[in-house]
Amino acid sequence: MMAKGPTDAANEADELVAEELARENARAFAIEMNKFRAATWDRASTAFLAGGFVGPVISFIVAAKPWSLQDGFYMTLVTGICLIVALFLHHNGREILAEAFK
């Protein structure tokens, strides 16, 4: 078997460097995509928080008619559901972000 010449060794080294660079780029891309997904989930949780908490509070403040007990129950129910959904979305976003940096 023939020994490798300097050109063959240089080509092999270049291939190894290219493979390592490709792995680093793929990892950086995966991290950025996971950060993007986490931010998307967190924005959705913020929207549910605003819709489920801030909306009913403003509605109560500027209500044109007095609220009945049934109206209060429905608003409490809507607020509770939206806050639970917001918590779920925020938790999923944090898990995705934690997964990115493992």
N, C-alpha and C. Protein backbone atom coordinates (compact mmCIF):
# COMPACT_ATOMS: atom_id res chain seq x y z
N MET A 1 0.84 -1.17 0.00
CA MET A 1 0.00 0.00 0.00
C MET A 1 0.89 1.24 0.00
N MET A 2 0.48 2.22 -0.74
CA MET A 2 1.29 3.43 -0.87
C MET A 2 0.98 4.40 0.26
N ALA A 3 1.98 5.12 0.68
CA ALA A 3 1.80 6.16 1.69
C ALA A 3 1.07 7.34 1.06
N LYS A 4 0.34 8.03 1.88
CA LYS A 4 -0.38 9.20 1.39
C LYS A 4 0.59 10.34 1.13
N GLY A 5 0.35 10.99 0.04
CA GLY A 5 1.18 12.14 -0.29
C GLY A 5 0.66 13.37 0.42
N PRO A 6 1.41 14.46 0.36
CA PRO A 6 0.98 15.70 1.03
C PRO A 6 -0.34 16.23 0.49
N THR A 7 -0.60 16.03 -0.79
CA THR A 7 -1.85 16.51 -1.38
C THR A 7 -3.04 15.72 -0.85
N ASP A 8 -2.87 14.39 -0.75
CA ASP A 8 -3.95 13.56 -0.23
C ASP A 8 -4.25 13.90 1.23
N ALA A 9 -3.23 14.09 2.01
CA ALA A 9 -3.41 14.45 3.42
C ALA A 9 -4.08 15.81 3.55
N ALA A 10 -3.72 16.75 2.72
CA ALA A 10 -4.33 18.09 2.75
C ALA A 10 -5.80 18.00 2.36
N ASN A 11 -6.11 17.20 1.35
CA ASN A 11 -7.51 17.04 0.93
C ASN A 11 -8.34 16.39 2.03
N GLU A 12 -7.76 15.39 2.70
CA GLU A 12 -8.47 14.73 3.79
C GLU A 12 -8.70 15.71 4.95
N ALA A 13 -7.72 16.52 5.25
CA ALA A 13 -7.86 17.52 6.31
C ALA A 13 -8.93 18.54 5.94
N ASP A 14 -8.95 18.96 4.67
CA ASP A 14 -9.97 19.90 4.21
C ASP A 14 -11.36 19.30 4.34
N GLU A 15 -11.49 18.01 4.02
CA GLU A 15 -12.79 17.34 4.12
C GLU A 15 -13.24 17.26 5.58
N LEU A 16 -12.31 16.96 6.48
CA LEU A 16 -12.65 16.91 7.90
C LEU A 16 -13.08 18.28 8.43
N VAL A 17 -12.37 19.31 8.00
CA VAL A 17 -12.74 20.68 8.41
C VAL A 17 -14.12 21.04 7.87
N ALA A 18 -14.39 20.66 6.61
CA ALA A 18 -15.69 20.95 6.00
C ALA A 18 -16.81 20.21 6.73
N GLU A 19 -16.56 18.96 7.11
CA GLU A 19 -17.57 18.20 7.85
C GLU A 19 -17.84 18.83 9.22
N GLU A 20 -16.80 19.23 9.91
CA GLU A 20 -16.96 19.86 11.22
C GLU A 20 -17.71 21.18 11.10
N LEU A 21 -17.39 21.96 10.06
CA LEU A 21 -18.08 23.22 9.83
C LEU A 21 -19.55 22.98 9.52
N ALA A 22 -19.85 21.95 8.74
CA ALA A 22 -21.24 21.61 8.42
C ALA A 22 -21.99 21.21 9.69
N ARG A 23 -21.35 20.44 10.58
CA ARG A 23 -21.99 20.06 11.85
C ARG A 23 -22.26 21.29 12.72
N GLU A 24 -21.30 22.19 12.80
CA GLU A 24 -21.48 23.41 13.59
C GLU A 24 -22.61 24.26 13.03
N ASN A 25 -22.66 24.38 11.70
CA ASN A 25 -23.73 25.17 11.07
C ASN A 25 -25.09 24.53 11.32
N ALA A 26 -25.17 23.21 11.23
CA ALA A 26 -26.43 22.52 11.47
C ALA A 26 -26.88 22.71 12.92
N ARG A 27 -25.95 22.65 13.85
CA ARG A 27 -26.30 22.86 15.27
C ARG A 27 -26.75 24.30 15.50
N ALA A 28 -26.04 25.26 14.92
CA ALA A 28 -26.44 26.66 15.08
C ALA A 28 -27.82 26.90 14.48
N PHE A 29 -28.09 26.27 13.34
CA PHE A 29 -29.41 26.42 12.72
C PHE A 29 -30.49 25.81 13.60
N ALA A 30 -30.22 24.63 14.17
CA ALA A 30 -31.19 23.98 15.05
C ALA A 30 -31.47 24.83 16.29
N ILE A 31 -30.43 25.42 16.85
CA ILE A 31 -30.62 26.28 18.02
C ILE A 31 -31.48 27.49 17.66
N GLU A 32 -31.19 28.12 16.54
CA GLU A 32 -31.97 29.30 16.13
C GLU A 32 -33.43 28.94 15.84
N MET A 33 -33.66 27.79 15.22
CA MET A 33 -35.04 27.37 14.94
C MET A 33 -35.79 27.09 16.24
N ASN A 34 -35.12 26.46 17.21
CA ASN A 34 -35.76 26.21 18.49
C ASN A 34 -36.04 27.51 19.24
N LYS A 35 -35.13 28.47 19.14
CA LYS A 35 -35.37 29.78 19.76
C LYS A 35 -36.57 30.46 19.10
N PHE A 36 -36.67 30.34 17.78
CA PHE A 36 -37.80 30.91 17.05
C PHE A 36 -39.11 30.25 17.49
N ARG A 37 -39.11 28.92 17.58
CA ARG A 37 -40.33 28.20 18.02
C ARG A 37 -40.71 28.60 19.44
N ALA A 38 -39.73 28.69 20.32
CA ALA A 38 -40.01 29.06 21.70
C ALA A 38 -40.60 30.47 21.77
N ALA A 39 -40.06 31.38 21.00
CA ALA A 39 -40.58 32.75 20.98
C ALA A 39 -42.01 32.78 20.44
N THR A 40 -42.30 31.94 19.45
CA THR A 40 -43.64 31.88 18.89
C THR A 40 -44.64 31.39 19.94
N TRP A 41 -44.28 30.33 20.66
CA TRP A 41 -45.16 29.83 21.72
C TRP A 41 -45.35 30.89 22.80
N ASP A 42 -44.29 31.60 23.14
CA ASP A 42 -44.39 32.62 24.18
C ASP A 42 -45.25 33.80 23.73
N ARG A 43 -45.16 34.18 22.45
CA ARG A 43 -46.03 35.25 21.95
C ARG A 43 -47.49 34.82 22.00
N ALA A 44 -47.75 33.56 21.67
CA ALA A 44 -49.13 33.06 21.74
C ALA A 44 -49.62 33.08 23.19
N SER A 45 -48.76 32.72 24.13
CA SER A 45 -49.19 32.74 25.54
C SER A 45 -49.46 34.17 25.99
N THR A 46 -48.67 35.11 25.51
CA THR A 46 -48.91 36.52 25.85
C THR A 46 -50.24 37.00 25.28
N ALA A 47 -50.57 36.57 24.08
CA ALA A 47 -51.85 36.94 23.47
C ALA A 47 -53.02 36.37 24.28
N PHE A 48 -52.91 35.11 24.70
CA PHE A 48 -53.97 34.54 25.52
C PHE A 48 -54.07 35.24 26.87
N LEU A 49 -52.94 35.61 27.43
CA LEU A 49 -52.95 36.33 28.69
C LEU A 49 -53.66 37.67 28.53
N ALA A 50 -53.34 38.38 27.46
CA ALA A 50 -53.99 39.67 27.22
C ALA A 50 -55.48 39.50 26.96
N GLY A 51 -55.82 38.52 26.14
CA GLY A 51 -57.23 38.30 25.81
C GLY A 51 -58.04 37.79 26.99
N GLY A 52 -57.43 36.97 27.82
CA GLY A 52 -58.17 36.36 28.91
C GLY A 52 -58.15 37.12 30.20
N PHE A 53 -57.22 38.02 30.36
CA PHE A 53 -57.15 38.76 31.62
C PHE A 53 -57.39 40.26 31.42
N VAL A 54 -56.63 40.85 30.54
CA VAL A 54 -56.74 42.30 30.34
C VAL A 54 -58.09 42.67 29.72
N GLY A 55 -58.53 41.86 28.73
CA GLY A 55 -59.81 42.13 28.07
C GLY A 55 -60.98 42.17 29.04
N PRO A 56 -61.18 41.15 29.87
CA PRO A 56 -62.30 41.21 30.82
C PRO A 56 -62.18 42.33 31.85
N VAL A 57 -60.97 42.66 32.26
CA VAL A 57 -60.80 43.76 33.22
C VAL A 57 -61.24 45.08 32.59
N ILE A 58 -60.82 45.31 31.37
CA ILE A 58 -61.24 46.53 30.67
C ILE A 58 -62.74 46.52 30.43
N SER A 59 -63.27 45.37 30.07
CA SER A 59 -64.72 45.24 29.87
C SER A 59 -65.48 45.57 31.15
N PHE A 60 -64.97 45.11 32.26
CA PHE A 60 -65.62 45.40 33.55
C PHE A 60 -65.55 46.89 33.87
N ILE A 61 -64.42 47.50 33.58
CA ILE A 61 -64.24 48.92 33.92
C ILE A 61 -65.15 49.81 33.08
N VAL A 62 -65.30 49.52 31.80
CA VAL A 62 -66.08 50.39 30.91
C VAL A 62 -67.46 49.82 30.59
N ALA A 63 -67.96 48.90 31.42
CA ALA A 63 -69.25 48.27 31.15
C ALA A 63 -70.36 49.32 31.13
N ALA A 64 -71.22 49.20 30.12
CA ALA A 64 -72.33 50.14 29.98
C ALA A 64 -73.49 49.77 30.90
N LYS A 65 -73.54 48.50 31.29
CA LYS A 65 -74.63 48.06 32.17
C LYS A 65 -74.01 47.34 33.36
N PRO A 66 -74.73 47.30 34.46
CA PRO A 66 -74.21 46.56 35.61
C PRO A 66 -74.06 45.07 35.29
N TRP A 67 -73.09 44.45 35.87
CA TRP A 67 -72.85 43.03 35.63
C TRP A 67 -73.75 42.19 36.52
N SER A 68 -74.27 41.14 35.94
CA SER A 68 -75.03 40.19 36.74
C SER A 68 -74.07 39.12 37.26
N LEU A 69 -74.57 38.26 38.13
CA LEU A 69 -73.75 37.17 38.65
C LEU A 69 -73.35 36.22 37.53
N GLN A 70 -74.26 36.01 36.58
CA GLN A 70 -73.97 35.12 35.46
C GLN A 70 -72.87 35.71 34.57
N ASP A 71 -72.91 37.01 34.32
CA ASP A 71 -71.84 37.66 33.54
C ASP A 71 -70.49 37.50 34.23
N GLY A 72 -70.47 37.68 35.53
CA GLY A 72 -69.24 37.52 36.29
C GLY A 72 -68.71 36.10 36.21
N PHE A 73 -69.62 35.12 36.28
CA PHE A 73 -69.21 33.72 36.18
C PHE A 73 -68.60 33.44 34.82
N TYR A 74 -69.24 33.91 33.76
CA TYR A 74 -68.71 33.68 32.41
C TYR A 74 -67.35 34.34 32.22
N MET A 75 -67.20 35.54 32.72
CA MET A 75 -65.92 36.23 32.58
C MET A 75 -64.83 35.54 33.39
N THR A 76 -65.18 35.05 34.56
CA THR A 76 -64.22 34.30 35.37
C THR A 76 -63.83 33.00 34.66
N LEU A 77 -64.81 32.34 34.07
CA LEU A 77 -64.53 31.11 33.33
C LEU A 77 -63.62 31.37 32.13
N VAL A 78 -63.95 32.40 31.36
CA VAL A 78 -63.12 32.75 30.19
C VAL A 78 -61.72 33.12 30.62
N THR A 79 -61.62 33.93 31.68
CA THR A 79 -60.31 34.33 32.18
C THR A 79 -59.50 33.12 32.64
N GLY A 80 -60.13 32.23 33.38
CA GLY A 80 -59.44 31.03 33.85
C GLY A 80 -58.95 30.15 32.71
N ILE A 81 -59.80 29.92 31.72
CA ILE A 81 -59.41 29.10 30.58
C ILE A 81 -58.25 29.74 29.83
N CYS A 82 -58.34 31.04 29.58
CA CYS A 82 -57.26 31.72 28.85
C CYS A 82 -55.96 31.71 29.64
N LEU A 83 -56.01 31.86 30.95
CA LEU A 83 -54.80 31.83 31.75
C LEU A 83 -54.18 30.43 31.76
N ILE A 84 -55.01 29.40 31.80
CA ILE A 84 -54.49 28.02 31.74
C ILE A 84 -53.83 27.76 30.38
N VAL A 85 -54.48 28.20 29.31
CA VAL A 85 -53.90 28.03 27.98
C VAL A 85 -52.58 28.82 27.87
N ALA A 86 -52.55 30.03 28.40
CA ALA A 86 -51.33 30.84 28.37
C ALA A 86 -50.20 30.15 29.14
N LEU A 87 -50.53 29.57 30.29
CA LEU A 87 -49.52 28.85 31.07
C LEU A 87 -48.99 27.65 30.30
N PHE A 88 -49.88 26.90 29.66
CA PHE A 88 -49.49 25.75 28.86
C PHE A 88 -48.56 26.16 27.71
N LEU A 89 -48.94 27.22 26.99
CA LEU A 89 -48.13 27.67 25.86
C LEU A 89 -46.76 28.17 26.33
N HIS A 90 -46.75 28.91 27.42
CA HIS A 90 -45.48 29.43 27.93
C HIS A 90 -44.57 28.28 28.39
N HIS A 91 -45.14 27.30 29.05
CA HIS A 91 -44.38 26.14 29.51
C HIS A 91 -43.77 25.38 28.32
N ASN A 92 -44.56 25.18 27.27
CA ASN A 92 -44.04 24.51 26.07
C ASN A 92 -42.91 25.31 25.43
N GLY A 93 -43.05 26.61 25.38
CA GLY A 93 -41.99 27.45 24.83
C GLY A 93 -40.71 27.32 25.62
N ARG A 94 -40.81 27.27 26.95
CA ARG A 94 -39.62 27.12 27.79
C ARG A 94 -38.97 25.75 27.58
N GLU A 95 -39.79 24.72 27.41
CA GLU A 95 -39.23 23.38 27.16
C GLU A 95 -38.49 23.32 25.83
N ILE A 96 -39.06 23.94 24.81
CA ILE A 96 -38.41 23.97 23.50
C ILE A 96 -37.06 24.71 23.60
N LEU A 97 -37.06 25.81 24.33
CA LEU A 97 -35.82 26.58 24.50
C LEU A 97 -34.79 25.79 25.28
N ALA A 98 -35.21 25.09 26.31
CA ALA A 98 -34.27 24.27 27.08
C ALA A 98 -33.71 23.14 26.22
N GLU A 99 -34.54 22.58 25.35
CA GLU A 99 -34.09 21.51 24.46
C GLU A 99 -33.03 22.00 23.48
N ALA A 100 -33.12 23.26 23.11
CA ALA A 100 -32.17 23.82 22.13
C ALA A 100 -30.75 23.84 22.66
N PHE A 101 -30.60 24.00 23.96
CA PHE A 101 -29.26 24.16 24.52
C PHE A 101 -28.75 22.93 25.25
N LYS A 102 -29.37 21.79 25.00
CA LYS A 102 -28.87 20.54 25.59
C LYS A 102 -27.62 20.09 24.90
